[in-house]
Amino acid sequence: MLKDYETVFILTPVLSDDQAKEAVSKFKSLLTSSGAQMVNEENWGLKKLAYPIQKKSSGFYYLLQFKAEGTLVADLEVAYKRDERVLRFLTVSLDKHALAYSIKRKSKSLNSQKVNA
């Protein structure tokens, strides 16, 4: 049975846009090739970190929401640990309340994009 997961990872700020996109596509392709279904993807951009990590004070934040088997999360986290571009990551399983909030947040961001367009 597929469960809902959300993973947020922070990439080092010294990457170019192309390098950051390549890193994100690497993780997305790892998920999809292992049978995960992508639900949502958000680029939160360059943000200041709460505390320095590896002497860096900012990083590129990305969120990937997907449905997958539980064993896939371990493989994803091993890939994060092996990639020197990743400063930090967190993967969580979404319960029904988190799913409802995610849907609400996504629809709110879509509405604000329509207003700005």
PDB file of N, CA and C in Angstrom:
ATOM      1  N   MET A   1       0.840  -1.193   0.000  1.00  0.00           N
ATOM      2  CA  MET A   1       0.000   0.000   0.000  1.00  0.00           C
ATOM      3  C   MET A   1       0.886   1.257   0.000  1.00  0.00           C
ATOM      4  N   LEU A   2       0.495   2.218  -0.804  1.00  0.00           N
ATOM      5  CA  LEU A   2       1.263   3.460  -0.889  1.00  0.00           C
ATOM      6  C   LEU A   2       0.853   4.409   0.230  1.00  0.00           C
ATOM      7  N   LYS A   3       1.849   5.028   0.868  1.00  0.00           N
ATOM      8  CA  LYS A   3       1.591   6.035   1.889  1.00  0.00           C
ATOM      9  C   LYS A   3       2.021   7.398   1.355  1.00  0.00           C
ATOM     10  N   ASP A   4       1.480   8.437   1.961  1.00  0.00           N
ATOM     11  CA  ASP A   4       1.829   9.803   1.572  1.00  0.00           C
ATOM     12  C   ASP A   4       3.033  10.278   2.374  1.00  0.00           C
ATOM     13  N   TYR A   5       3.997  10.863   1.678  1.00  0.00           N
ATOM     14  CA  TYR A   5       5.205  11.395   2.302  1.00  0.00           C
ATOM     15  C   TYR A   5       5.476  12.798   1.780  1.00  0.00           C
ATOM     16  N   GLU A   6       6.222  13.532   2.594  1.00  0.00           N
ATOM     17  CA  GLU A   6       6.661  14.867   2.204  1.00  0.00           C
ATOM     18  C   GLU A   6       8.120  14.967   2.619  1.00  0.00           C
ATOM     19  N   THR A   7       8.949  15.419   1.716  1.00  0.00           N
ATOM     20  CA  THR A   7      10.358  15.594   2.044  1.00  0.00           C
ATOM     21  C   THR A   7      10.782  17.018   1.695  1.00  0.00           C
ATOM     22  N   VAL A   8      11.499  17.626   2.616  1.00  0.00           N
ATOM     23  CA  VAL A   8      12.056  18.964   2.404  1.00  0.00           C
ATOM     24  C   VAL A   8      13.566  18.820   2.504  1.00  0.00           C
ATOM     25  N   PHE A   9      14.272  19.384   1.536  1.00  0.00           N
ATOM     26  CA  PHE A   9      15.729  19.345   1.612  1.00  0.00           C
ATOM     27  C   PHE A   9      16.292  20.714   1.272  1.00  0.00           C
ATOM     28  N   ILE A  10      17.475  20.975   1.826  1.00  0.00           N
ATOM     29  CA  ILE A  10      18.151  22.260   1.641  1.00  0.00           C
ATOM     30  C   ILE A  10      19.430  22.001   0.862  1.00  0.00           C
ATOM     31  N   LEU A  11      19.560  22.679  -0.267  1.00  0.00           N
ATOM     32  CA  LEU A  11      20.774  22.563  -1.087  1.00  0.00           C
ATOM     33  C   LEU A  11      21.709  23.721  -0.774  1.00  0.00           C
ATOM     34  N   THR A  12      22.990  23.478  -0.938  1.00  0.00           N
ATOM     35  CA  THR A  12      23.998  24.503  -0.676  1.00  0.00           C
ATOM     36  C   THR A  12      23.781  25.727  -1.574  1.00  0.00           C
ATOM     37  N   PRO A  13      23.991  26.926  -1.050  1.00  0.00           N
ATOM     38  CA  PRO A  13      23.705  28.144  -1.821  1.00  0.00           C
ATOM     39  C   PRO A  13      24.722  28.460  -2.910  1.00  0.00           C
ATOM     40  N   VAL A  14      25.821  27.729  -2.996  1.00  0.00           N
ATOM     41  CA  VAL A  14      26.845  28.041  -4.005  1.00  0.00           C
ATOM     42  C   VAL A  14      26.504  27.462  -5.370  1.00  0.00           C
ATOM     43  N   LEU A  15      25.401  26.715  -5.477  1.00  0.00           N
ATOM     44  CA  LEU A  15      25.009  26.110  -6.752  1.00  0.00           C
ATOM     45  C   LEU A  15      24.392  27.148  -7.690  1.00  0.00           C
ATOM     46  N   SER A  16      24.594  26.948  -8.983  1.00  0.00           N
ATOM     47  CA  SER A  16      23.884  27.775  -9.973  1.00  0.00           C
ATOM     48  C   SER A  16      22.465  27.240 -10.091  1.00  0.00           C
ATOM     49  N   ASP A  17      21.592  27.976 -10.784  1.00  0.00           N
ATOM     50  CA  ASP A  17      20.211  27.515 -10.967  1.00  0.00           C
ATOM     51  C   ASP A  17      20.170  26.160 -11.668  1.00  0.00           C
ATOM     52  N   ASP A  18      21.004  26.000 -12.688  1.00  0.00           N
ATOM     53  CA  ASP A  18      21.024  24.734 -13.422  1.00  0.00           C
ATOM     54  C   ASP A  18      21.479  23.578 -12.539  1.00  0.00           C
ATOM     55  N   GLN A  19      22.483  23.820 -11.705  1.00  0.00           N
ATOM     56  CA  GLN A  19      22.980  22.767 -10.815  1.00  0.00           C
ATOM     57  C   GLN A  19      21.916  22.387  -9.780  1.00  0.00           C
ATOM     58  N   ALA A  20      21.196  23.384  -9.265  1.00  0.00           N
ATOM     59  CA  ALA A  20      20.139  23.109  -8.285  1.00  0.00           C
ATOM     60  C   ALA A  20      19.007  22.319  -8.939  1.00  0.00           C
ATOM     61  N   LYS A  21      18.617  22.709 -10.171  1.00  0.00           N
ATOM     62  CA  LYS A  21      17.561  21.982 -10.881  1.00  0.00           C
ATOM     63  C   LYS A  21      17.986  20.554 -11.172  1.00  0.00           C
ATOM     64  N   GLU A  22      19.264  20.359 -11.495  1.00  0.00           N
ATOM     65  CA  GLU A  22      19.766  19.014 -11.766  1.00  0.00           C
ATOM     66  C   GLU A  22      19.704  18.147 -10.507  1.00  0.00           C
ATOM     67  N   ALA A  23      20.029  18.738  -9.352  1.00  0.00           N
ATOM     68  CA  ALA A  23      19.974  17.986  -8.091  1.00  0.00           C
ATOM     69  C   ALA A  23      18.533  17.586  -7.765  1.00  0.00           C
ATOM     70  N   VAL A  24      17.597  18.515  -7.957  1.00  0.00           N
ATOM     71  CA  VAL A  24      16.186  18.226  -7.688  1.00  0.00           C
ATOM     72  C   VAL A  24      15.684  17.144  -8.636  1.00  0.00           C
ATOM     73  N   SER A  25      16.037  17.241  -9.920  1.00  0.00           N
ATOM     74  CA  SER A  25      15.575  16.237 -10.883  1.00  0.00           C
ATOM     75  C   SER A  25      16.182  14.875 -10.577  1.00  0.00           C
ATOM     76  N   LYS A  26      17.387  14.852 -10.030  1.00  0.00           N
ATOM     77  CA  LYS A  26      18.008  13.576  -9.632  1.00  0.00           C
ATOM     78  C   LYS A  26      17.161  12.879  -8.569  1.00  0.00           C
ATOM     79  N   PHE A  27      16.727  13.642  -7.557  1.00  0.00           N
ATOM     80  CA  PHE A  27      15.932  13.047  -6.483  1.00  0.00           C
ATOM     81  C   PHE A  27      14.530  12.670  -6.973  1.00  0.00           C
ATOM     82  N   LYS A  28      13.965  13.506  -7.841  1.00  0.00           N
ATOM     83  CA  LYS A  28      12.649  13.177  -8.404  1.00  0.00           C
ATOM     84  C   LYS A  28      12.712  11.910  -9.240  1.00  0.00           C
ATOM     85  N   SER A  29      13.757  11.767 -10.050  1.00  0.00           N
ATOM     86  CA  SER A  29      13.864  10.579 -10.892  1.00  0.00           C
ATOM     87  C   SER A  29      14.133   9.333 -10.049  1.00  0.00           C
ATOM     88  N   LEU A  30      14.860   9.490  -8.935  1.00  0.00           N
ATOM     89  CA  LEU A  30      15.064   8.365  -8.022  1.00  0.00           C
ATOM     90  C   LEU A  30      13.716   7.882  -7.487  1.00  0.00           C
ATOM     91  N   LEU A  31      12.856   8.834  -7.121  1.00  0.00           N
ATOM     92  CA  LEU A  31      11.539   8.485  -6.593  1.00  0.00           C
ATOM     93  C   LEU A  31      10.671   7.814  -7.655  1.00  0.00           C
ATOM     94  N   THR A  32      10.561   8.453  -8.808  1.00  0.00           N
ATOM     95  CA  THR A  32       9.660   7.936  -9.844  1.00  0.00           C
ATOM     96  C   THR A  32      10.142   6.605 -10.406  1.00  0.00           C
ATOM     97  N   SER A  33      11.468   6.424 -10.534  1.00  0.00           N
ATOM     98  CA  SER A  33      11.977   5.155 -11.055  1.00  0.00           C
ATOM     99  C   SER A  33      11.765   4.016 -10.058  1.00  0.00           C
ATOM    100  N   SER A  34      11.582   4.360  -8.789  1.00  0.00           N
ATOM    101  CA  SER A  34      11.343   3.338  -7.767  1.00  0.00           C
ATOM    102  C   SER A  34       9.858   3.114  -7.508  1.00  0.00           C
ATOM    103  N   GLY A  35       9.015   3.734  -8.316  1.00  0.00           N
ATOM    104  CA  GLY A  35       7.578   3.482  -8.217  1.00  0.00           C
ATOM    105  C   GLY A  35       6.780   4.508  -7.435  1.00  0.00           C
ATOM    106  N   ALA A  36       7.390   5.610  -7.057  1.00  0.00           N
ATOM    107  CA  ALA A  36       6.649   6.645  -6.321  1.00  0.00           C
ATOM    108  C   ALA A  36       5.821   7.485  -7.286  1.00  0.00           C
ATOM    109  N   GLN A  37       4.716   7.993  -6.783  1.00  0.00           N
ATOM    110  CA  GLN A  37       3.870   8.902  -7.563  1.00  0.00           C
ATOM    111  C   GLN A  37       4.058  10.309  -7.012  1.00  0.00           C
ATOM    112  N   MET A  38       4.532  11.219  -7.844  1.00  0.00           N
ATOM    113  CA  MET A  38       4.727  12.598  -7.405  1.00  0.00           C
ATOM    114  C   MET A  38       3.368  13.275  -7.262  1.00  0.00           C
ATOM    115  N   VAL A  39       3.145  13.932  -6.118  1.00  0.00           N
ATOM    116  CA  VAL A  39       1.886  14.619  -5.857  1.00  0.00           C
ATOM    117  C   VAL A  39       2.063  16.129  -6.007  1.00  0.00           C
ATOM    118  N   ASN A  40       3.146  16.644  -5.434  1.00  0.00           N
ATOM    119  CA  ASN A  40       3.366  18.087  -5.442  1.00  0.00           C
ATOM    120  C   ASN A  40       4.860  18.358  -5.352  1.00  0.00           C
ATOM    121  N   GLU A  41       5.261  19.487  -5.906  1.00  0.00           N
ATOM    122  CA  GLU A  41       6.664  19.894  -5.874  1.00  0.00           C
ATOM    123  C   GLU A  41       6.683  21.405  -5.729  1.00  0.00           C
ATOM    124  N   GLU A  42       7.478  21.893  -4.782  1.00  0.00           N
ATOM    125  CA  GLU A  42       7.560  23.339  -4.566  1.00  0.00           C
ATOM    126  C   GLU A  42       9.012  23.756  -4.422  1.00  0.00           C
ATOM    127  N   ASN A  43       9.358  24.847  -5.082  1.00  0.00           N
ATOM    128  CA  ASN A  43      10.671  25.458  -4.933  1.00  0.00           C
ATOM    129  C   ASN A  43      10.473  26.676  -4.036  1.00  0.00           C
ATOM    130  N   TRP A  44      10.982  26.596  -2.814  1.00  0.00           N
ATOM    131  CA  TRP A  44      10.808  27.704  -1.873  1.00  0.00           C
ATOM    132  C   TRP A  44      11.900  28.754  -2.033  1.00  0.00           C
ATOM    133  N   GLY A  45      12.890  28.474  -2.851  1.00  0.00           N
ATOM    134  CA  GLY A  45      13.919  29.465  -3.146  1.00  0.00           C
ATOM    135  C   GLY A  45      15.016  29.550  -2.095  1.00  0.00           C
ATOM    136  N   LEU A  46      15.822  30.585  -2.246  1.00  0.00           N
ATOM    137  CA  LEU A  46      16.950  30.815  -1.347  1.00  0.00           C
ATOM    138  C   LEU A  46      16.446  31.474  -0.074  1.00  0.00           C
ATOM    139  N   LYS A  47      16.716  30.835   1.066  1.00  0.00           N
ATOM    140  CA  LYS A  47      16.278  31.371   2.356  1.00  0.00           C
ATOM    141  C   LYS A  47      17.441  31.366   3.338  1.00  0.00           C
ATOM    142  N   LYS A  48      17.351  32.273   4.303  1.00  0.00           N
ATOM    143  CA  LYS A  48      18.353  32.341   5.362  1.00  0.00           C
ATOM    144  C   LYS A  48      18.111  31.187   6.330  1.00  0.00           C
ATOM    145  N   LEU A  49      19.190  30.540   6.751  1.00  0.00           N
ATOM    146  CA  LEU A  49      19.088  29.442   7.708  1.00  0.00           C
ATOM    147  C   LEU A  49      19.000  29.997   9.133  1.00  0.00           C
ATOM    148  N   ALA A  50      18.372  29.241  10.026  1.00  0.00           N
ATOM    149  CA  ALA A  50      18.251  29.661  11.421  1.00  0.00           C
ATOM    150  C   ALA A  50      19.623  29.664  12.104  1.00  0.00           C
ATOM    151  N   TYR A  51      20.495  28.788  11.659  1.00  0.00           N
ATOM    152  CA  TYR A  51      21.853  28.712  12.201  1.00  0.00           C
ATOM    153  C   TYR A  51      22.775  28.216  11.080  1.00  0.00           C
ATOM    154  N   PRO A  52      24.046  28.548  11.135  1.00  0.00           N
ATOM    155  CA  PRO A  52      24.958  28.131  10.061  1.00  0.00           C
ATOM    156  C   PRO A  52      25.106  26.608   9.981  1.00  0.00           C
ATOM    157  N   ILE A  53      25.100  26.087   8.761  1.00  0.00           N
ATOM    158  CA  ILE A  53      25.348  24.672   8.510  1.00  0.00           C
ATOM    159  C   ILE A  53      26.517  24.608   7.541  1.00  0.00           C
ATOM    160  N   GLN A  54      27.576  23.913   7.923  1.00  0.00           N
ATOM    161  CA  GLN A  54      28.790  23.820   7.112  1.00  0.00           C
ATOM    162  C   GLN A  54      29.284  25.215   6.691  1.00  0.00           C
ATOM    163  N   LYS A  55      29.243  26.150   7.626  1.00  0.00           N
ATOM    164  CA  LYS A  55      29.678  27.538   7.448  1.00  0.00           C
ATOM    165  C   LYS A  55      28.860  28.301   6.399  1.00  0.00           C
ATOM    166  N   LYS A  56      27.649  27.838   6.127  1.00  0.00           N
ATOM    167  CA  LYS A  56      26.758  28.519   5.180  1.00  0.00           C
ATOM    168  C   LYS A  56      25.566  29.081   5.953  1.00  0.00           C
ATOM    169  N   SER A  57      25.138  30.282   5.591  1.00  0.00           N
ATOM    170  CA  SER A  57      24.044  30.912   6.324  1.00  0.00           C
ATOM    171  C   SER A  57      22.736  30.936   5.532  1.00  0.00           C
ATOM    172  N   SER A  58      22.741  30.386   4.310  1.00  0.00           N
ATOM    173  CA  SER A  58      21.516  30.327   3.515  1.00  0.00           C
ATOM    174  C   SER A  58      21.539  29.051   2.686  1.00  0.00           C
ATOM    175  N   GLY A  59      20.376  28.737   2.082  1.00  0.00           N
ATOM    176  CA  GLY A  59      20.303  27.532   1.265  1.00  0.00           C
ATOM    177  C   GLY A  59      19.054  27.539   0.406  1.00  0.00           C
ATOM    178  N   PHE A  60      19.044  26.709  -0.630  1.00  0.00           N
ATOM    179  CA  PHE A  60      17.885  26.555  -1.513  1.00  0.00           C
ATOM    180  C   PHE A  60      16.971  25.474  -0.936  1.00  0.00           C
ATOM    181  N   TYR A  61      15.741  25.852  -0.634  1.00  0.00           N
ATOM    182  CA  TYR A  61      14.771  24.924  -0.044  1.00  0.00           C
ATOM    183  C   TYR A  61      13.879  24.339  -1.137  1.00  0.00           C
ATOM    184  N   TYR A  62      13.649  23.027  -1.062  1.00  0.00           N
ATOM    185  CA  TYR A  62      12.742  22.339  -1.991  1.00  0.00           C
ATOM    186  C   TYR A  62      11.846  21.389  -1.216  1.00  0.00           C
ATOM    187  N   LEU A  63      10.603  21.265  -1.657  1.00  0.00           N
ATOM    188  CA  LEU A  63       9.663  20.334  -1.070  1.00  0.00           C
ATOM    189  C   LEU A  63       9.165  19.391  -2.153  1.00  0.00           C
ATOM    190  N   LEU A  64       9.169  18.099  -1.859  1.00  0.00           N
ATOM    191  CA  LEU A  64       8.605  17.096  -2.752  1.00  0.00           C
ATOM    192  C   LEU A  64       7.580  16.297  -1.958  1.00  0.00           C
ATOM    193  N   GLN A  65       6.380  16.192  -2.489  1.00  0.00           N
ATOM    194  CA  GLN A  65       5.332  15.394  -1.856  1.00  0.00           C
ATOM    195  C   GLN A  65       5.029  14.228  -2.787  1.00  0.00           C
ATOM    196  N   PHE A  66       4.980  13.021  -2.224  1.00  0.00           N
ATOM    197  CA  PHE A  66       4.826  11.840  -3.065  1.00  0.00           C
ATOM    198  C   PHE A  66       4.125  10.714  -2.322  1.00  0.00           C
ATOM    199  N   LYS A  67       3.643   9.740  -3.098  1.00  0.00           N
ATOM    200  CA  LYS A  67       3.068   8.510  -2.549  1.00  0.00           C
ATOM    201  C   LYS A  67       4.030   7.385  -2.901  1.00  0.00           C
ATOM    202  N   ALA A  68       4.381   6.565  -1.895  1.00  0.00           N
ATOM    203  CA  ALA A  68       5.349   5.496  -2.138  1.00  0.00           C
ATOM    204  C   ALA A  68       5.263   4.443  -1.050  1.00  0.00           C
ATOM    205  N   GLU A  69       5.968   3.342  -1.302  1.00  0.00           N
ATOM    206  CA  GLU A  69       6.156   2.305  -0.289  1.00  0.00           C
ATOM    207  C   GLU A  69       7.124   2.853   0.766  1.00  0.00           C
ATOM    208  N   GLY A  70       7.002   2.374   1.986  1.00  0.00           N
ATOM    209  CA  GLY A  70       7.848   2.860   3.074  1.00  0.00           C
ATOM    210  C   GLY A  70       9.320   2.576   2.880  1.00  0.00           C
ATOM    211  N   THR A  71       9.657   1.501   2.152  1.00  0.00           N
ATOM    212  CA  THR A  71      11.066   1.146   1.971  1.00  0.00           C
ATOM    213  C   THR A  71      11.796   2.150   1.089  1.00  0.00           C
ATOM    214  N   LEU A  72      11.063   2.873   0.273  1.00  0.00           N
ATOM    215  CA  LEU A  72      11.671   3.845  -0.637  1.00  0.00           C
ATOM    216  C   LEU A  72      12.271   5.031   0.113  1.00  0.00           C
ATOM    217  N   VAL A  73      11.696   5.382   1.255  1.00  0.00           N
ATOM    218  CA  VAL A  73      12.183   6.528   2.028  1.00  0.00           C
ATOM    219  C   VAL A  73      13.632   6.304   2.463  1.00  0.00           C
ATOM    220  N   ALA A  74      13.946   5.105   2.872  1.00  0.00           N
ATOM    221  CA  ALA A  74      15.329   4.805   3.292  1.00  0.00           C
ATOM    222  C   ALA A  74      16.294   4.998   2.129  1.00  0.00           C
ATOM    223  N   ASP A  75      15.899   4.548   0.940  1.00  0.00           N
ATOM    224  CA  ASP A  75      16.760   4.723  -0.239  1.00  0.00           C
ATOM    225  C   ASP A  75      16.957   6.205  -0.566  1.00  0.00           C
ATOM    226  N   LEU A  76      15.876   6.975  -0.445  1.00  0.00           N
ATOM    227  CA  LEU A  76      15.946   8.412  -0.713  1.00  0.00           C
ATOM    228  C   LEU A  76      16.892   9.090   0.271  1.00  0.00           C
ATOM    229  N   GLU A  77      16.792   8.736   1.543  1.00  0.00           N
ATOM    230  CA  GLU A  77      17.631   9.381   2.547  1.00  0.00           C
ATOM    231  C   GLU A  77      19.098   8.995   2.395  1.00  0.00           C
ATOM    232  N   VAL A  78      19.368   7.784   1.929  1.00  0.00           N
ATOM    233  CA  VAL A  78      20.759   7.397   1.639  1.00  0.00           C
ATOM    234  C   VAL A  78      21.298   8.265   0.498  1.00  0.00           C
ATOM    235  N   ALA A  79      20.450   8.510  -0.518  1.00  0.00           N
ATOM    236  CA  ALA A  79      20.865   9.369  -1.639  1.00  0.00           C
ATOM    237  C   ALA A  79      21.151  10.793  -1.152  1.00  0.00           C
ATOM    238  N   TYR A  80      20.321  11.303  -0.219  1.00  0.00           N
ATOM    239  CA  TYR A  80      20.569  12.627   0.353  1.00  0.00           C
ATOM    240  C   TYR A  80      21.926  12.660   1.063  1.00  0.00           C
ATOM    241  N   LYS A  81      22.197  11.637   1.864  1.00  0.00           N
ATOM    242  CA  LYS A  81      23.436  11.614   2.645  1.00  0.00           C
ATOM    243  C   LYS A  81      24.669  11.527   1.749  1.00  0.00           C
ATOM    244  N   ARG A  82      24.552  10.862   0.612  1.00  0.00           N
ATOM    245  CA  ARG A  82      25.691  10.699  -0.296  1.00  0.00           C
ATOM    246  C   ARG A  82      25.932  11.929  -1.162  1.00  0.00           C
ATOM    247  N   ASP A  83      24.957  12.808  -1.261  1.00  0.00           N
ATOM    248  CA  ASP A  83      25.070  13.977  -2.134  1.00  0.00           C
ATOM    249  C   ASP A  83      25.589  15.162  -1.332  1.00  0.00           C
ATOM    250  N   GLU A  84      26.774  15.657  -1.688  1.00  0.00           N
ATOM    251  CA  GLU A  84      27.378  16.757  -0.929  1.00  0.00           C
ATOM    252  C   GLU A  84      26.651  18.080  -1.115  1.00  0.00           C
ATOM    253  N   ARG A  85      25.761  18.170  -2.104  1.00  0.00           N
ATOM    254  CA  ARG A  85      25.004  19.408  -2.318  1.00  0.00           C
ATOM    255  C   ARG A  85      23.899  19.597  -1.288  1.00  0.00           C
ATOM    256  N   VAL A  86      23.501  18.526  -0.604  1.00  0.00           N
ATOM    257  CA  VAL A  86      22.409  18.582   0.365  1.00  0.00           C
ATOM    258  C   VAL A  86      22.960  18.923   1.749  1.00  0.00           C
ATOM    259  N   LEU A  87      22.480  20.051   2.301  1.00  0.00           N
ATOM    260  CA  LEU A  87      22.906  20.448   3.640  1.00  0.00           C
ATOM    261  C   LEU A  87      22.090  19.729   4.708  1.00  0.00           C
ATOM    262  N   ARG A  88      20.768  19.712   4.552  1.00  0.00           N
ATOM    263  CA  ARG A  88      19.865  19.069   5.498  1.00  0.00           C
ATOM    264  C   ARG A  88      18.669  18.518   4.731  1.00  0.00           C
ATOM    265  N   PHE A  89      17.982  17.539   5.348  1.00  0.00           N
ATOM    266  CA  PHE A  89      16.760  16.997   4.762  1.00  0.00           C
ATOM    267  C   PHE A  89      15.871  16.467   5.873  1.00  0.00           C
ATOM    268  N   LEU A  90      14.584  16.388   5.593  1.00  0.00           N
ATOM    269  CA  LEU A  90      13.627  15.808   6.525  1.00  0.00           C
ATOM    270  C   LEU A  90      12.502  15.207   5.712  1.00  0.00           C
ATOM    271  N   THR A  91      12.203  13.944   5.969  1.00  0.00           N
ATOM    272  CA  THR A  91      11.115  13.256   5.292  1.00  0.00           C
ATOM    273  C   THR A  91      10.125  12.805   6.355  1.00  0.00           C
ATOM    274  N   VAL A  92       8.854  13.131   6.146  1.00  0.00           N
ATOM    275  CA  VAL A  92       7.819  12.754   7.107  1.00  0.00           C
ATOM    276  C   VAL A  92       6.673  12.048   6.396  1.00  0.00           C
ATOM    277  N   SER A  93       6.018  11.163   7.130  1.00  0.00           N
ATOM    278  CA  SER A  93       4.813  10.503   6.651  1.00  0.00           C
ATOM    279  C   SER A  93       3.640  11.410   6.985  1.00  0.00           C
ATOM    280  N   LEU A  94       2.748  11.612   6.033  1.00  0.00           N
ATOM    281  CA  LEU A  94       1.621  12.523   6.245  1.00  0.00           C
ATOM    282  C   LEU A  94       0.398  11.760   6.736  1.00  0.00           C
ATOM    283  N   ASP A  95      -0.198  12.232   7.841  1.00  0.00           N
ATOM    284  CA  ASP A  95      -1.463  11.660   8.289  1.00  0.00           C
ATOM    285  C   ASP A  95      -2.605  12.429   7.635  1.00  0.00           C
ATOM    286  N   LYS A  96      -3.849  12.105   7.967  1.00  0.00           N
ATOM    287  CA  LYS A  96      -4.986  12.728   7.283  1.00  0.00           C
ATOM    288  C   LYS A  96      -5.052  14.237   7.526  1.00  0.00           C
ATOM    289  N   HIS A  97      -4.625  14.700   8.696  1.00  0.00           N
ATOM    290  CA  HIS A  97      -4.658  16.134   8.992  1.00  0.00           C
ATOM    291  C   HIS A  97      -3.594  16.885   8.182  1.00  0.00           C
ATOM    292  N   ALA A  98      -2.415  16.295   8.089  1.00  0.00           N
ATOM    293  CA  ALA A  98      -1.347  16.918   7.306  1.00  0.00           C
ATOM    294  C   ALA A  98      -1.712  16.935   5.827  1.00  0.00           C
ATOM    295  N   LEU A  99      -2.371  15.880   5.343  1.00  0.00           N
ATOM    296  CA  LEU A  99      -2.813  15.849   3.948  1.00  0.00           C
ATOM    297  C   LEU A  99      -3.828  16.948   3.677  1.00  0.00           C
ATOM    298  N   ALA A 100      -4.790  17.117   4.605  1.00  0.00           N
ATOM    299  CA  ALA A 100      -5.807  18.161   4.442  1.00  0.00           C
ATOM    300  C   ALA A 100      -5.151  19.543   4.416  1.00  0.00           C
ATOM    301  N   TYR A 101      -4.178  19.764   5.296  1.00  0.00           N
ATOM    302  CA  TYR A 101      -3.479  21.043   5.323  1.00  0.00           C
ATOM    303  C   TYR A 101      -2.696  21.260   4.029  1.00  0.00           C
ATOM    304  N   SER A 102      -2.058  20.211   3.534  1.00  0.00           N
ATOM    305  CA  SER A 102      -1.279  20.308   2.300  1.00  0.00           C
ATOM    306  C   SER A 102      -2.168  20.697   1.122  1.00  0.00           C
ATOM    307  N   ILE A 103      -3.323  20.075   1.037  1.00  0.00           N
ATOM    308  CA  ILE A 103      -4.268  20.393  -0.048  1.00  0.00           C
ATOM    309  C   ILE A 103      -4.737  21.841   0.063  1.00  0.00           C
ATOM    310  N   LYS A 104      -5.031  22.274   1.292  1.00  0.00           N
ATOM    311  CA  LYS A 104      -5.476  23.653   1.520  1.00  0.00           C
ATOM    312  C   LYS A 104      -4.381  24.647   1.145  1.00  0.00           C
ATOM    313  N   ARG A 105      -3.141  24.347   1.547  1.00  0.00           N
ATOM    314  CA  ARG A 105      -2.011  25.230   1.239  1.00  0.00           C
ATOM    315  C   ARG A 105      -1.768  25.306  -0.264  1.00  0.00           C
ATOM    316  N   LYS A 106      -1.884  24.161  -0.943  1.00  0.00           N
ATOM    317  CA  LYS A 106      -1.658  24.122  -2.388  1.00  0.00           C
ATOM    318  C   LYS A 106      -2.734  24.926  -3.118  1.00  0.00           C
ATOM    319  N   SER A 107      -3.984  24.788  -2.705  1.00  0.00           N
ATOM    320  CA  SER A 107      -5.051  25.538  -3.376  1.00  0.00           C
ATOM    321  C   SER A 107      -4.918  27.034  -3.105  1.00  0.00           C
ATOM    322  N   LYS A 108      -4.447  27.386  -1.917  1.00  0.00           N
ATOM    323  CA  LYS A 108      -4.242  28.800  -1.592  1.00  0.00           C
ATOM    324  C   LYS A 108      -3.144  29.401  -2.464  1.00  0.00           C
ATOM    325  N   SER A 109      -2.065  28.644  -2.687  1.00  0.00           N
ATOM    326  CA  SER A 109      -0.977  29.161  -3.513  1.00  0.00           C
ATOM    327  C   SER A 109      -1.406  29.246  -4.982  1.00  0.00           C
ATOM    328  N   LEU A 110      -2.248  28.307  -5.431  1.00  0.00           N
ATOM    329  CA  LEU A 110      -2.749  28.379  -6.800  1.00  0.00           C
ATOM    330  C   LEU A 110      -3.641  29.603  -6.991  1.00  0.00           C
ATOM    331  N   ASN A 111      -4.471  29.898  -5.991  1.00  0.00           N
ATOM    332  CA  ASN A 111      -5.343  31.082  -6.083  1.00  0.00           C
ATOM    333  C   ASN A 111      -4.531  32.361  -6.113  1.00  0.00           C
ATOM    334  N   SER A 112      -3.458  32.438  -5.311  1.00  0.00           N
ATOM    335  CA  SER A 112      -2.633  33.657  -5.318  1.00  0.00           C
ATOM    336  C   SER A 112      -1.884  33.798  -6.622  1.00  0.00           C
ATOM    337  N   GLN A 113      -1.531  32.684  -7.268  1.00  0.00           N
ATOM    338  CA  GLN A 113      -0.862  32.752  -8.568  1.00  0.00           C
ATOM    339  C   GLN A 113      -1.829  33.268  -9.635  1.00  0.00           C
ATOM    340  N   LYS A 114      -3.102  32.866  -9.549  1.00  0.00           N
ATOM    341  CA  LYS A 114      -4.099  33.340 -10.514  1.00  0.00           C
ATOM    342  C   LYS A 114      -4.324  34.838 -10.362  1.00  0.00           C
ATOM    343  N   VAL A 115      -4.326  35.321  -9.116  1.00  0.00           N
ATOM    344  CA  VAL A 115      -4.534  36.748  -8.868  1.00  0.00           C
ATOM    345  C   VAL A 115      -3.359  37.557  -9.401  1.00  0.00           C
ATOM    346  N   ASN A 116      -2.134  37.040  -9.228  1.00  0.00           N
ATOM    347  CA  ASN A 116      -0.939  37.755  -9.668  1.00  0.00           C
ATOM    348  C   ASN A 116      -0.747  37.696 -11.185  1.00  0.00           C
ATOM    349  N   ALA A 117      -1.365  36.749 -11.848  1.00  0.00           N
ATOM    350  CA  ALA A 117      -1.161  36.575 -13.289  1.00  0.00           C
ATOM    351  C   ALA A 117      -1.933  37.579 -14.113  1.00  0.00           C
TER     352      ALA A 117
END
